[in-house]
Amino acid sequence: MKQIVFATNNNHKLKEINNLVSDKLKIISLKDINCFEEIPETADTLDENASQKSKYIFNKYHCDCFADDTGLEVDALNGQPGVHSARYAGESKDSEKNIEKLLVELNGKINRSARFRTVISLILEGKEYFFEGIINGEIIDKKIGTDGFGYDPVFIPNGFEKTFAQMTLEEKNKVSHRSIAIQKLIRFLEKIY
């Protein structure tokens, strides 16, 4: 079984991806390789942030790995919060405050179109590959649902009547930006292994 490090300690993300991979692959977290330091995310784009994280792990721990970065891009806010999604309301990465700020910024705006975009940087034997997943939808004006994380309670994907936070993990995994990017990653890895 091939083991690959996912540069995260986010249990929600780990649960989502382990729900998708076949038994040929084992996805392990940063704590599994005893990495407890804060990995830099100082770039200006999702692609660069994902790359920065995967290169950090590869260079320090010398193992095949991948990292993702996800942003919520809102049309009426010129693509913001984008790369700053996790820290939109400050360095504390407080999802509640991020949602509050987003709803205040969108107050009175008619166009509430948005998209979640995930970029994955995979480093395999020193070579880097990128995978992207996008899901379009809209931001509603109040939180609905208790599952998921981040902006999930205020995002309804196109073609659905439920927020990500109202969906089961299985429902979300069929359509989410992260699962789209991860499916591309998994198809790539399964061709190799």
N, C-alpha and C. Protein backbone atom coordinates (compact mmCIF):
# COMPACT_ATOMS: atom_id res chain seq x y z
N MET A 1 0.85 -1.19 0.00
CA MET A 1 0.00 0.00 0.00
C MET A 1 0.89 1.25 0.00
N LYS A 2 0.59 2.17 -0.90
CA LYS A 2 1.35 3.42 -1.00
C LYS A 2 0.85 4.41 0.04
N GLN A 3 1.80 4.99 0.76
CA GLN A 3 1.46 5.97 1.79
C GLN A 3 1.87 7.37 1.32
N ILE A 4 0.95 8.30 1.42
CA ILE A 4 1.22 9.69 1.01
C ILE A 4 0.76 10.61 2.12
N VAL A 5 1.58 11.61 2.40
CA VAL A 5 1.25 12.58 3.45
C VAL A 5 0.36 13.68 2.88
N PHE A 6 -0.73 13.94 3.55
CA PHE A 6 -1.59 15.09 3.25
C PHE A 6 -1.16 16.17 4.25
N ALA A 7 -0.67 17.28 3.75
CA ALA A 7 -0.13 18.34 4.61
C ALA A 7 -1.26 19.08 5.33
N THR A 8 -1.88 18.39 6.27
CA THR A 8 -2.95 18.99 7.05
C THR A 8 -3.06 18.27 8.39
N ASN A 9 -3.62 18.95 9.36
CA ASN A 9 -4.07 18.33 10.60
C ASN A 9 -5.56 18.57 10.77
N ASN A 10 -6.20 19.02 9.68
CA ASN A 10 -7.64 19.27 9.70
C ASN A 10 -8.38 17.94 9.56
N ASN A 11 -9.01 17.51 10.66
CA ASN A 11 -9.67 16.20 10.67
C ASN A 11 -10.83 16.12 9.69
N HIS A 12 -11.51 17.26 9.43
CA HIS A 12 -12.59 17.28 8.44
C HIS A 12 -12.05 16.92 7.06
N LYS A 13 -10.93 17.55 6.68
CA LYS A 13 -10.33 17.27 5.37
C LYS A 13 -9.86 15.81 5.28
N LEU A 14 -9.22 15.32 6.34
CA LEU A 14 -8.75 13.93 6.34
C LEU A 14 -9.90 12.95 6.20
N LYS A 15 -10.97 13.23 6.91
CA LYS A 15 -12.14 12.35 6.86
C LYS A 15 -12.72 12.35 5.44
N GLU A 16 -12.82 13.56 4.85
CA GLU A 16 -13.34 13.66 3.49
C GLU A 16 -12.52 12.85 2.50
N ILE A 17 -11.20 13.00 2.56
CA ILE A 17 -10.36 12.31 1.56
C ILE A 17 -10.29 10.81 1.83
N ASN A 18 -10.21 10.40 3.08
CA ASN A 18 -10.15 8.96 3.35
C ASN A 18 -11.44 8.26 2.98
N ASN A 19 -12.51 9.02 2.87
CA ASN A 19 -13.78 8.50 2.42
C ASN A 19 -13.77 8.24 0.91
N LEU A 20 -12.81 8.84 0.21
CA LEU A 20 -12.76 8.77 -1.25
C LEU A 20 -11.70 7.84 -1.82
N VAL A 21 -10.61 7.60 -1.07
CA VAL A 21 -9.49 6.83 -1.65
C VAL A 21 -9.74 5.34 -1.61
N SER A 22 -9.10 4.63 -2.54
CA SER A 22 -9.20 3.17 -2.57
C SER A 22 -8.22 2.58 -1.55
N ASP A 23 -8.28 1.27 -1.39
CA ASP A 23 -7.39 0.63 -0.42
C ASP A 23 -5.96 0.47 -0.92
N LYS A 24 -5.68 0.98 -2.13
CA LYS A 24 -4.30 0.97 -2.64
C LYS A 24 -3.48 2.10 -2.02
N LEU A 25 -4.17 3.10 -1.53
CA LEU A 25 -3.50 4.28 -0.99
C LEU A 25 -3.86 4.48 0.48
N LYS A 26 -2.89 4.93 1.23
CA LYS A 26 -3.15 5.31 2.61
C LYS A 26 -2.73 6.77 2.76
N ILE A 27 -3.69 7.60 3.12
CA ILE A 27 -3.41 9.03 3.31
C ILE A 27 -3.17 9.26 4.80
N ILE A 28 -2.00 9.81 5.10
CA ILE A 28 -1.68 10.09 6.50
C ILE A 28 -1.54 11.60 6.69
N SER A 29 -1.61 12.03 7.94
CA SER A 29 -1.60 13.46 8.24
C SER A 29 -0.22 13.91 8.71
N LEU A 30 -0.11 15.20 8.95
CA LEU A 30 1.15 15.75 9.45
C LEU A 30 1.53 15.16 10.80
N LYS A 31 0.55 14.94 11.67
CA LYS A 31 0.90 14.40 12.99
C LYS A 31 1.46 12.99 12.87
N ASP A 32 1.07 12.26 11.81
CA ASP A 32 1.60 10.92 11.60
C ASP A 32 3.10 10.93 11.27
N ILE A 33 3.60 12.06 10.79
CA ILE A 33 5.05 12.18 10.53
C ILE A 33 5.71 13.10 11.57
N ASN A 34 4.99 13.34 12.66
CA ASN A 34 5.48 14.19 13.77
C ASN A 34 5.81 15.61 13.33
N CYS A 35 4.98 16.14 12.47
CA CYS A 35 5.10 17.54 12.07
C CYS A 35 4.02 18.33 12.80
N PHE A 36 4.46 19.17 13.72
CA PHE A 36 3.51 19.94 14.53
C PHE A 36 3.70 21.45 14.36
N GLU A 37 4.67 21.84 13.54
CA GLU A 37 4.90 23.27 13.33
C GLU A 37 3.87 23.85 12.37
N GLU A 38 3.72 25.17 12.45
CA GLU A 38 2.82 25.88 11.53
C GLU A 38 3.52 26.00 10.18
N ILE A 39 2.89 25.48 9.13
CA ILE A 39 3.49 25.53 7.79
C ILE A 39 3.14 26.88 7.17
N PRO A 40 4.14 27.56 6.61
CA PRO A 40 3.87 28.89 6.04
C PRO A 40 2.84 28.85 4.91
N GLU A 41 1.98 29.87 4.92
CA GLU A 41 1.01 30.11 3.84
C GLU A 41 1.04 31.60 3.57
N THR A 42 2.08 32.05 2.91
CA THR A 42 2.29 33.49 2.76
C THR A 42 2.15 33.97 1.31
N ALA A 43 1.75 33.08 0.43
CA ALA A 43 1.67 33.43 -0.99
C ALA A 43 0.40 34.21 -1.30
N ASP A 44 0.33 34.75 -2.51
CA ASP A 44 -0.80 35.58 -2.95
C ASP A 44 -1.85 34.83 -3.74
N THR A 45 -1.59 33.55 -4.06
CA THR A 45 -2.57 32.77 -4.80
C THR A 45 -2.75 31.40 -4.14
N LEU A 46 -3.86 30.76 -4.45
CA LEU A 46 -4.12 29.42 -3.93
C LEU A 46 -3.06 28.44 -4.43
N ASP A 47 -2.70 28.54 -5.71
CA ASP A 47 -1.70 27.65 -6.31
C ASP A 47 -0.37 27.76 -5.57
N GLU A 48 0.07 29.00 -5.34
CA GLU A 48 1.36 29.22 -4.68
C GLU A 48 1.33 28.76 -3.23
N ASN A 49 0.21 28.96 -2.54
CA ASN A 49 0.09 28.50 -1.15
C ASN A 49 0.16 26.98 -1.06
N ALA A 50 -0.59 26.30 -1.93
CA ALA A 50 -0.57 24.83 -1.93
C ALA A 50 0.85 24.33 -2.22
N SER A 51 1.51 24.95 -3.18
CA SER A 51 2.87 24.58 -3.55
C SER A 51 3.83 24.84 -2.40
N GLN A 52 3.69 25.98 -1.74
CA GLN A 52 4.57 26.33 -0.62
C GLN A 52 4.47 25.28 0.49
N LYS A 53 3.25 24.82 0.77
CA LYS A 53 3.05 23.83 1.83
C LYS A 53 3.62 22.47 1.45
N SER A 54 3.35 22.02 0.23
CA SER A 54 3.85 20.69 -0.16
C SER A 54 5.38 20.68 -0.25
N LYS A 55 5.95 21.75 -0.76
CA LYS A 55 7.42 21.82 -0.85
C LYS A 55 8.06 21.84 0.53
N TYR A 56 7.41 22.52 1.47
CA TYR A 56 7.92 22.57 2.85
C TYR A 56 8.01 21.16 3.42
N ILE A 57 6.94 20.38 3.26
CA ILE A 57 6.91 19.01 3.78
C ILE A 57 7.91 18.12 3.04
N PHE A 58 7.93 18.22 1.72
CA PHE A 58 8.84 17.38 0.95
C PHE A 58 10.30 17.68 1.31
N ASN A 59 10.65 18.95 1.39
CA ASN A 59 12.04 19.33 1.67
C ASN A 59 12.46 18.98 3.10
N LYS A 60 11.54 19.07 4.04
CA LYS A 60 11.91 18.82 5.44
C LYS A 60 11.80 17.34 5.83
N TYR A 61 10.80 16.64 5.29
CA TYR A 61 10.54 15.26 5.71
C TYR A 61 10.86 14.22 4.63
N HIS A 62 11.17 14.68 3.43
CA HIS A 62 11.61 13.80 2.33
C HIS A 62 10.62 12.67 2.06
N CYS A 63 9.34 13.05 1.93
CA CYS A 63 8.32 12.04 1.63
C CYS A 63 7.35 12.59 0.58
N ASP A 64 6.76 11.69 -0.17
CA ASP A 64 5.73 12.09 -1.12
C ASP A 64 4.58 12.72 -0.34
N CYS A 65 4.06 13.80 -0.86
CA CYS A 65 3.03 14.51 -0.10
C CYS A 65 2.19 15.38 -1.03
N PHE A 66 1.08 15.82 -0.49
CA PHE A 66 0.29 16.82 -1.20
C PHE A 66 -0.30 17.78 -0.20
N ALA A 67 -0.58 18.98 -0.70
CA ALA A 67 -1.18 20.03 0.13
C ALA A 67 -2.24 20.71 -0.71
N ASP A 68 -3.23 21.23 -0.02
CA ASP A 68 -4.28 21.95 -0.75
C ASP A 68 -4.42 23.35 -0.19
N ASP A 69 -5.02 24.18 -0.97
CA ASP A 69 -5.47 25.47 -0.47
C ASP A 69 -6.80 25.72 -1.15
N THR A 70 -7.71 26.25 -0.38
CA THR A 70 -9.07 26.48 -0.86
C THR A 70 -9.46 27.91 -0.57
N GLY A 71 -10.18 28.49 -1.49
CA GLY A 71 -10.69 29.83 -1.27
C GLY A 71 -12.13 29.94 -1.73
N LEU A 72 -12.85 30.80 -1.06
CA LEU A 72 -14.20 31.17 -1.48
C LEU A 72 -14.05 32.46 -2.27
N GLU A 73 -14.46 32.43 -3.53
CA GLU A 73 -14.32 33.60 -4.40
C GLU A 73 -15.71 34.14 -4.71
N VAL A 74 -15.99 35.35 -4.23
CA VAL A 74 -17.33 35.94 -4.35
C VAL A 74 -17.30 37.02 -5.42
N ASP A 75 -18.18 36.89 -6.41
CA ASP A 75 -18.19 37.81 -7.55
C ASP A 75 -18.34 39.27 -7.12
N ALA A 76 -19.32 39.55 -6.25
CA ALA A 76 -19.61 40.93 -5.85
C ALA A 76 -18.47 41.55 -5.03
N LEU A 77 -17.55 40.72 -4.56
CA LEU A 77 -16.41 41.21 -3.77
C LEU A 77 -15.11 41.08 -4.56
N ASN A 78 -15.22 41.06 -5.88
CA ASN A 78 -14.06 40.95 -6.77
C ASN A 78 -13.17 39.76 -6.45
N GLY A 79 -13.82 38.62 -6.16
CA GLY A 79 -13.07 37.40 -5.90
C GLY A 79 -12.61 37.21 -4.46
N GLN A 80 -12.91 38.18 -3.61
CA GLN A 80 -12.54 38.04 -2.19
C GLN A 80 -13.54 37.12 -1.50
N PRO A 81 -13.22 36.49 -0.41
CA PRO A 81 -11.95 36.52 0.31
C PRO A 81 -10.83 35.73 -0.35
N GLY A 82 -11.13 34.82 -1.28
CA GLY A 82 -10.10 34.13 -2.05
C GLY A 82 -9.03 33.47 -1.21
N VAL A 83 -7.78 33.79 -1.50
CA VAL A 83 -6.64 33.19 -0.81
C VAL A 83 -6.64 33.52 0.69
N HIS A 84 -7.39 34.55 1.06
CA HIS A 84 -7.45 34.97 2.47
C HIS A 84 -8.68 34.42 3.20
N SER A 85 -9.35 33.43 2.63
CA SER A 85 -10.61 32.92 3.17
C SER A 85 -10.53 32.51 4.64
N ALA A 86 -9.49 31.77 5.02
CA ALA A 86 -9.38 31.29 6.41
C ALA A 86 -9.13 32.43 7.39
N ARG A 87 -8.48 33.49 6.91
CA ARG A 87 -8.12 34.61 7.79
C ARG A 87 -8.88 35.89 7.44
N TYR A 88 -10.03 35.74 6.83
CA TYR A 88 -10.79 36.88 6.32
C TYR A 88 -11.10 37.90 7.43
N ALA A 89 -11.44 37.40 8.60
CA ALA A 89 -11.77 38.30 9.72
C ALA A 89 -10.63 38.41 10.72
N GLY A 90 -9.44 37.93 10.35
CA GLY A 90 -8.30 38.05 11.25
C GLY A 90 -7.50 36.76 11.34
N GLU A 91 -6.35 36.87 11.99
CA GLU A 91 -5.40 35.75 12.08
C GLU A 91 -5.91 34.57 12.89
N SER A 92 -6.97 34.74 13.64
CA SER A 92 -7.47 33.66 14.50
C SER A 92 -8.14 32.52 13.72
N LYS A 93 -8.38 32.72 12.43
CA LYS A 93 -9.04 31.71 11.58
C LYS A 93 -10.39 31.29 12.17
N ASP A 94 -11.15 32.25 12.64
CA ASP A 94 -12.45 31.99 13.27
C ASP A 94 -13.55 31.95 12.21
N SER A 95 -14.09 30.75 11.96
CA SER A 95 -15.11 30.58 10.91
C SER A 95 -16.34 31.44 11.14
N GLU A 96 -16.77 31.55 12.40
CA GLU A 96 -17.96 32.35 12.71
C GLU A 96 -17.74 33.82 12.34
N LYS A 97 -16.58 34.33 12.70
CA LYS A 97 -16.27 35.74 12.40
C LYS A 97 -16.09 35.95 10.90
N ASN A 98 -15.50 34.95 10.22
CA ASN A 98 -15.35 35.04 8.76
C ASN A 98 -16.71 35.12 8.08
N ILE A 99 -17.64 34.28 8.52
CA ILE A 99 -18.99 34.29 7.94
C ILE A 99 -19.68 35.62 8.23
N GLU A 100 -19.57 36.10 9.47
CA GLU A 100 -20.18 37.39 9.84
C GLU A 100 -19.66 38.50 8.94
N LYS A 101 -18.34 38.55 8.75
CA LYS A 101 -17.75 39.60 7.91
C LYS A 101 -18.25 39.48 6.47
N LEU A 102 -18.29 38.25 5.96
CA LEU A 102 -18.76 38.02 4.59
C LEU A 102 -20.20 38.51 4.42
N LEU A 103 -21.07 38.18 5.36
CA LEU A 103 -22.48 38.57 5.25
C LEU A 103 -22.64 40.09 5.36
N VAL A 104 -21.83 40.73 6.19
CA VAL A 104 -21.86 42.19 6.28
C VAL A 104 -21.43 42.81 4.95
N GLU A 105 -20.34 42.28 4.37
CA GLU A 105 -19.83 42.80 3.09
C GLU A 105 -20.85 42.63 1.96
N LEU A 106 -21.65 41.56 2.03
CA LEU A 106 -22.62 41.28 0.97
C LEU A 106 -23.99 41.91 1.23
N ASN A 107 -24.15 42.52 2.38
CA ASN A 107 -25.43 43.14 2.73
C ASN A 107 -25.87 44.12 1.64
N GLY A 108 -27.06 43.91 1.09
CA GLY A 108 -27.59 44.81 0.06
C GLY A 108 -27.14 44.49 -1.35
N LYS A 109 -26.24 43.55 -1.51
CA LYS A 109 -25.76 43.19 -2.85
C LYS A 109 -26.74 42.20 -3.49
N ILE A 110 -27.06 42.43 -4.74
CA ILE A 110 -27.99 41.55 -5.46
C ILE A 110 -27.27 40.30 -5.96
N ASN A 111 -26.10 40.49 -6.53
CA ASN A 111 -25.32 39.36 -7.06
C ASN A 111 -24.63 38.66 -5.89
N ARG A 112 -25.04 37.45 -5.61
CA ARG A 112 -24.44 36.69 -4.51
C ARG A 112 -23.73 35.43 -5.03
N SER A 113 -23.39 35.45 -6.33
CA SER A 113 -22.68 34.32 -6.94
C SER A 113 -21.30 34.18 -6.33
N ALA A 114 -20.92 32.92 -6.15
CA ALA A 114 -19.61 32.63 -5.56
C ALA A 114 -19.16 31.26 -6.05
N ARG A 115 -17.92 30.99 -5.83
CA ARG A 115 -17.42 29.65 -6.12
C ARG A 115 -16.38 29.28 -5.08
N PHE A 116 -16.35 28.01 -4.75
CA PHE A 116 -15.25 27.46 -3.96
C PHE A 116 -14.25 26.90 -4.96
N ARG A 117 -12.99 27.19 -4.73
CA ARG A 117 -11.94 26.65 -5.60
C ARG A 117 -10.85 26.03 -4.74
N THR A 118 -10.52 24.79 -5.02
CA THR A 118 -9.44 24.07 -4.33
C THR A 118 -8.34 23.80 -5.33
N VAL A 119 -7.11 24.04 -4.90
CA VAL A 119 -5.93 23.69 -5.68
C VAL A 119 -5.10 22.73 -4.84
N ILE A 120 -4.68 21.63 -5.46
CA ILE A 120 -3.82 20.65 -4.79
C ILE A 120 -2.47 20.65 -5.48
N SER A 121 -1.41 20.70 -4.67
CA SER A 121 -0.05 20.52 -5.16
C SER A 121 0.43 19.17 -4.65
N LEU A 122 0.76 18.28 -5.58
CA LEU A 122 1.28 16.95 -5.24
C LEU A 122 2.76 16.91 -5.59
N ILE A 123 3.58 16.45 -4.65
CA ILE A 123 4.99 16.23 -4.97
C ILE A 123 5.26 14.74 -4.83
N LEU A 124 5.64 14.17 -5.96
CA LEU A 124 5.91 12.74 -6.06
C LEU A 124 7.33 12.57 -6.57
N GLU A 125 8.17 12.00 -5.74
CA GLU A 125 9.58 11.80 -6.11
C GLU A 125 10.22 13.09 -6.63
N GLY A 126 9.87 14.19 -6.00
CA GLY A 126 10.48 15.48 -6.32
C GLY A 126 9.82 16.26 -7.44
N LYS A 127 8.85 15.66 -8.14
CA LYS A 127 8.18 16.36 -9.23
C LYS A 127 6.81 16.85 -8.76
N GLU A 128 6.45 18.08 -9.16
CA GLU A 128 5.20 18.68 -8.70
C GLU A 128 4.12 18.61 -9.77
N TYR A 129 2.90 18.31 -9.31
CA TYR A 129 1.72 18.24 -10.17
C TYR A 129 0.60 19.05 -9.50
N PHE A 130 -0.26 19.66 -10.31
CA PHE A 130 -1.38 20.46 -9.76
C PHE A 130 -2.72 19.88 -10.21
N PHE A 131 -3.70 19.99 -9.32
CA PHE A 131 -5.07 19.56 -9.59
C PHE A 131 -6.01 20.63 -9.04
N GLU A 132 -7.11 20.89 -9.76
CA GLU A 132 -8.02 21.95 -9.34
C GLU A 132 -9.46 21.45 -9.34
N GLY A 133 -10.22 21.93 -8.38
CA GLY A 133 -11.64 21.64 -8.31
C GLY A 133 -12.43 22.91 -8.05
N ILE A 134 -13.51 23.10 -8.79
CA ILE A 134 -14.34 24.31 -8.64
C ILE A 134 -15.80 23.90 -8.52
N ILE A 135 -16.51 24.52 -7.59
CA ILE A 135 -17.97 24.36 -7.51
C ILE A 135 -18.58 25.76 -7.41
N ASN A 136 -19.50 26.04 -8.32
CA ASN A 136 -20.17 27.33 -8.33
C ASN A 136 -21.44 27.27 -7.50
N GLY A 137 -21.83 28.42 -6.96
CA GLY A 137 -23.04 28.48 -6.16
C GLY A 137 -23.35 29.90 -5.77
N GLU A 138 -24.02 30.04 -4.63
CA GLU A 138 -24.33 31.39 -4.14
C GLU A 138 -24.27 31.43 -2.63
N ILE A 139 -24.09 32.66 -2.13
CA ILE A 139 -24.05 32.90 -0.69
C ILE A 139 -25.44 33.33 -0.25
N ILE A 140 -25.98 32.62 0.74
CA ILE A 140 -27.28 33.00 1.28
C ILE A 140 -27.08 33.99 2.42
N ASP A 141 -28.16 34.60 2.91
CA ASP A 141 -27.99 35.70 3.88
C ASP A 141 -28.01 35.28 5.34
N LYS A 142 -28.15 33.98 5.61
CA LYS A 142 -28.03 33.51 7.00
C LYS A 142 -27.52 32.07 7.00
N LYS A 143 -26.94 31.67 8.11
CA LYS A 143 -26.38 30.32 8.22
C LYS A 143 -27.49 29.28 8.35
N ILE A 144 -27.31 28.18 7.60
CA ILE A 144 -28.24 27.05 7.71
C ILE A 144 -27.41 25.77 7.70
N GLY A 145 -27.64 24.90 8.69
CA GLY A 145 -26.95 23.62 8.76
C GLY A 145 -25.83 23.60 9.78
N THR A 146 -25.49 22.39 10.20
CA THR A 146 -24.50 22.24 11.27
C THR A 146 -23.31 21.37 10.89
N ASP A 147 -23.35 20.72 9.74
CA ASP A 147 -22.22 19.89 9.32
C ASP A 147 -21.22 20.73 8.54
N GLY A 148 -20.13 20.08 8.14
CA GLY A 148 -19.13 20.79 7.36
C GLY A 148 -18.31 21.74 8.21
N PHE A 149 -17.67 22.69 7.55
CA PHE A 149 -16.82 23.65 8.26
C PHE A 149 -16.64 24.88 7.38
N GLY A 150 -15.99 25.89 7.93
CA GLY A 150 -15.74 27.11 7.16
C GLY A 150 -17.03 27.80 6.74
N TYR A 151 -17.12 28.13 5.47
CA TYR A 151 -18.27 28.88 4.93
C TYR A 151 -19.44 27.96 4.53
N ASP A 152 -19.35 26.67 4.82
CA ASP A 152 -20.38 25.71 4.40
C ASP A 152 -21.81 26.12 4.76
N PRO A 153 -22.06 26.73 5.94
CA PRO A 153 -23.45 27.07 6.29
C PRO A 153 -24.09 28.18 5.44
N VAL A 154 -23.29 28.92 4.67
CA VAL A 154 -23.87 30.00 3.86
C VAL A 154 -23.69 29.79 2.35
N PHE A 155 -23.20 28.63 1.95
CA PHE A 155 -22.95 28.36 0.53
C PHE A 155 -23.88 27.26 0.02
N ILE A 156 -24.70 27.60 -1.00
CA ILE A 156 -25.54 26.62 -1.67
C ILE A 156 -24.97 26.40 -3.08
N PRO A 157 -24.54 25.17 -3.39
CA PRO A 157 -24.02 24.92 -4.73
C PRO A 157 -25.13 24.97 -5.77
N ASN A 158 -24.80 25.40 -6.97
CA ASN A 158 -25.77 25.46 -8.07
C ASN A 158 -26.43 24.09 -8.26
N GLY A 159 -27.76 24.12 -8.46
CA GLY A 159 -28.50 22.89 -8.69
C GLY A 159 -28.98 22.21 -7.42
N PHE A 160 -28.70 22.83 -6.27
CA PHE A 160 -29.11 22.26 -4.98
C PHE A 160 -29.95 23.27 -4.20
N GLU A 161 -30.67 22.77 -3.22
CA GLU A 161 -31.47 23.64 -2.36
C GLU A 161 -30.96 23.62 -0.93
N LYS A 162 -29.84 22.93 -0.71
CA LYS A 162 -29.26 22.82 0.63
C LYS A 162 -27.87 23.44 0.64
N THR A 163 -27.50 23.98 1.79
CA THR A 163 -26.11 24.44 1.96
C THR A 163 -25.21 23.22 2.12
N PHE A 164 -23.91 23.44 1.96
CA PHE A 164 -22.96 22.36 2.23
C PHE A 164 -23.12 21.86 3.66
N ALA A 165 -23.45 22.76 4.59
CA ALA A 165 -23.58 22.38 6.00
C ALA A 165 -24.83 21.56 6.29
N GLN A 166 -25.76 21.50 5.35
CA GLN A 166 -26.96 20.66 5.50
C GLN A 166 -26.78 19.29 4.87
N MET A 167 -25.74 19.14 4.06
CA MET A 167 -25.51 17.89 3.35
C MET A 167 -24.78 16.88 4.24
N THR A 168 -25.03 15.60 3.96
CA THR A 168 -24.22 14.57 4.60
C THR A 168 -22.84 14.62 3.95
N LEU A 169 -21.87 13.98 4.58
CA LEU A 169 -20.53 13.92 4.02
C LEU A 169 -20.55 13.26 2.64
N GLU A 170 -21.37 12.24 2.49
CA GLU A 170 -21.47 11.54 1.21
C GLU A 170 -22.04 12.46 0.12
N GLU A 171 -23.08 13.23 0.48
CA GLU A 171 -23.67 14.16 -0.50
C GLU A 171 -22.65 15.22 -0.90
N LYS A 172 -21.98 15.79 0.09
CA LYS A 172 -21.01 16.84 -0.19
C LYS A 172 -19.85 16.30 -1.04
N ASN A 173 -19.41 15.08 -0.73
CA ASN A 173 -18.28 14.49 -1.47
C ASN A 173 -18.59 14.25 -2.93
N LYS A 174 -19.87 14.18 -3.28
CA LYS A 174 -20.22 13.98 -4.69
C LYS A 174 -20.03 15.25 -5.51
N VAL A 175 -20.07 16.42 -4.86
CA VAL A 175 -20.08 17.67 -5.63
C VAL A 175 -19.05 18.71 -5.20
N SER A 176 -18.40 18.55 -4.06
CA SER A 176 -17.58 19.64 -3.53
C SER A 176 -16.32 19.89 -4.35
N HIS A 177 -15.85 21.11 -4.27
CA HIS A 177 -14.61 21.55 -4.91
C HIS A 177 -13.44 20.67 -4.51
N ARG A 178 -13.34 20.37 -3.22
CA ARG A 178 -12.23 19.55 -2.73
C ARG A 178 -12.34 18.14 -3.31
N SER A 179 -13.56 17.59 -3.33
CA SER A 179 -13.68 16.23 -3.85
C SER A 179 -13.39 16.19 -5.36
N ILE A 180 -13.74 17.24 -6.09
CA ILE A 180 -13.42 17.29 -7.52
C ILE A 180 -11.90 17.27 -7.71
N ALA A 181 -11.20 18.11 -6.96
CA ALA A 181 -9.73 18.16 -7.05
C ALA A 181 -9.12 16.83 -6.59
N ILE A 182 -9.65 16.28 -5.50
CA ILE A 182 -9.12 15.04 -4.96
C ILE A 182 -9.38 13.86 -5.89
N GLN A 183 -10.56 13.85 -6.55
CA GLN A 183 -10.83 12.78 -7.52
C GLN A 183 -9.80 12.81 -8.64
N LYS A 184 -9.45 14.02 -9.09
CA LYS A 184 -8.41 14.15 -10.13
C LYS A 184 -7.08 13.61 -9.61
N LEU A 185 -6.74 13.98 -8.37
CA LEU A 185 -5.51 13.50 -7.74
C LEU A 185 -5.52 11.97 -7.62
N ILE A 186 -6.63 11.42 -7.15
CA ILE A 186 -6.72 9.96 -6.95
C ILE A 186 -6.62 9.22 -8.27
N ARG A 187 -7.32 9.72 -9.31
CA ARG A 187 -7.22 9.06 -10.63
C ARG A 187 -5.77 9.05 -11.12
N PHE A 188 -5.08 10.17 -10.90
CA PHE A 188 -3.68 10.28 -11.29
C PHE A 188 -2.83 9.25 -10.52
N LEU A 189 -3.01 9.19 -9.21
CA LEU A 189 -2.22 8.28 -8.38
C LEU A 189 -2.52 6.81 -8.69
N GLU A 190 -3.78 6.53 -8.95
CA GLU A 190 -4.15 5.13 -9.20
C GLU A 190 -3.65 4.64 -10.55
N LYS A 191 -3.41 5.57 -11.49
CA LYS A 191 -2.78 5.17 -12.75
C LYS A 191 -1.33 4.74 -12.49
N ILE A 192 -0.68 5.43 -11.55
CA ILE A 192 0.72 5.15 -11.24
C ILE A 192 0.87 3.89 -10.39
N TYR A 193 -0.03 3.73 -9.41
CA TYR A 193 0.09 2.59 -8.48
C TYR A 193 -0.92 1.52 -8.82
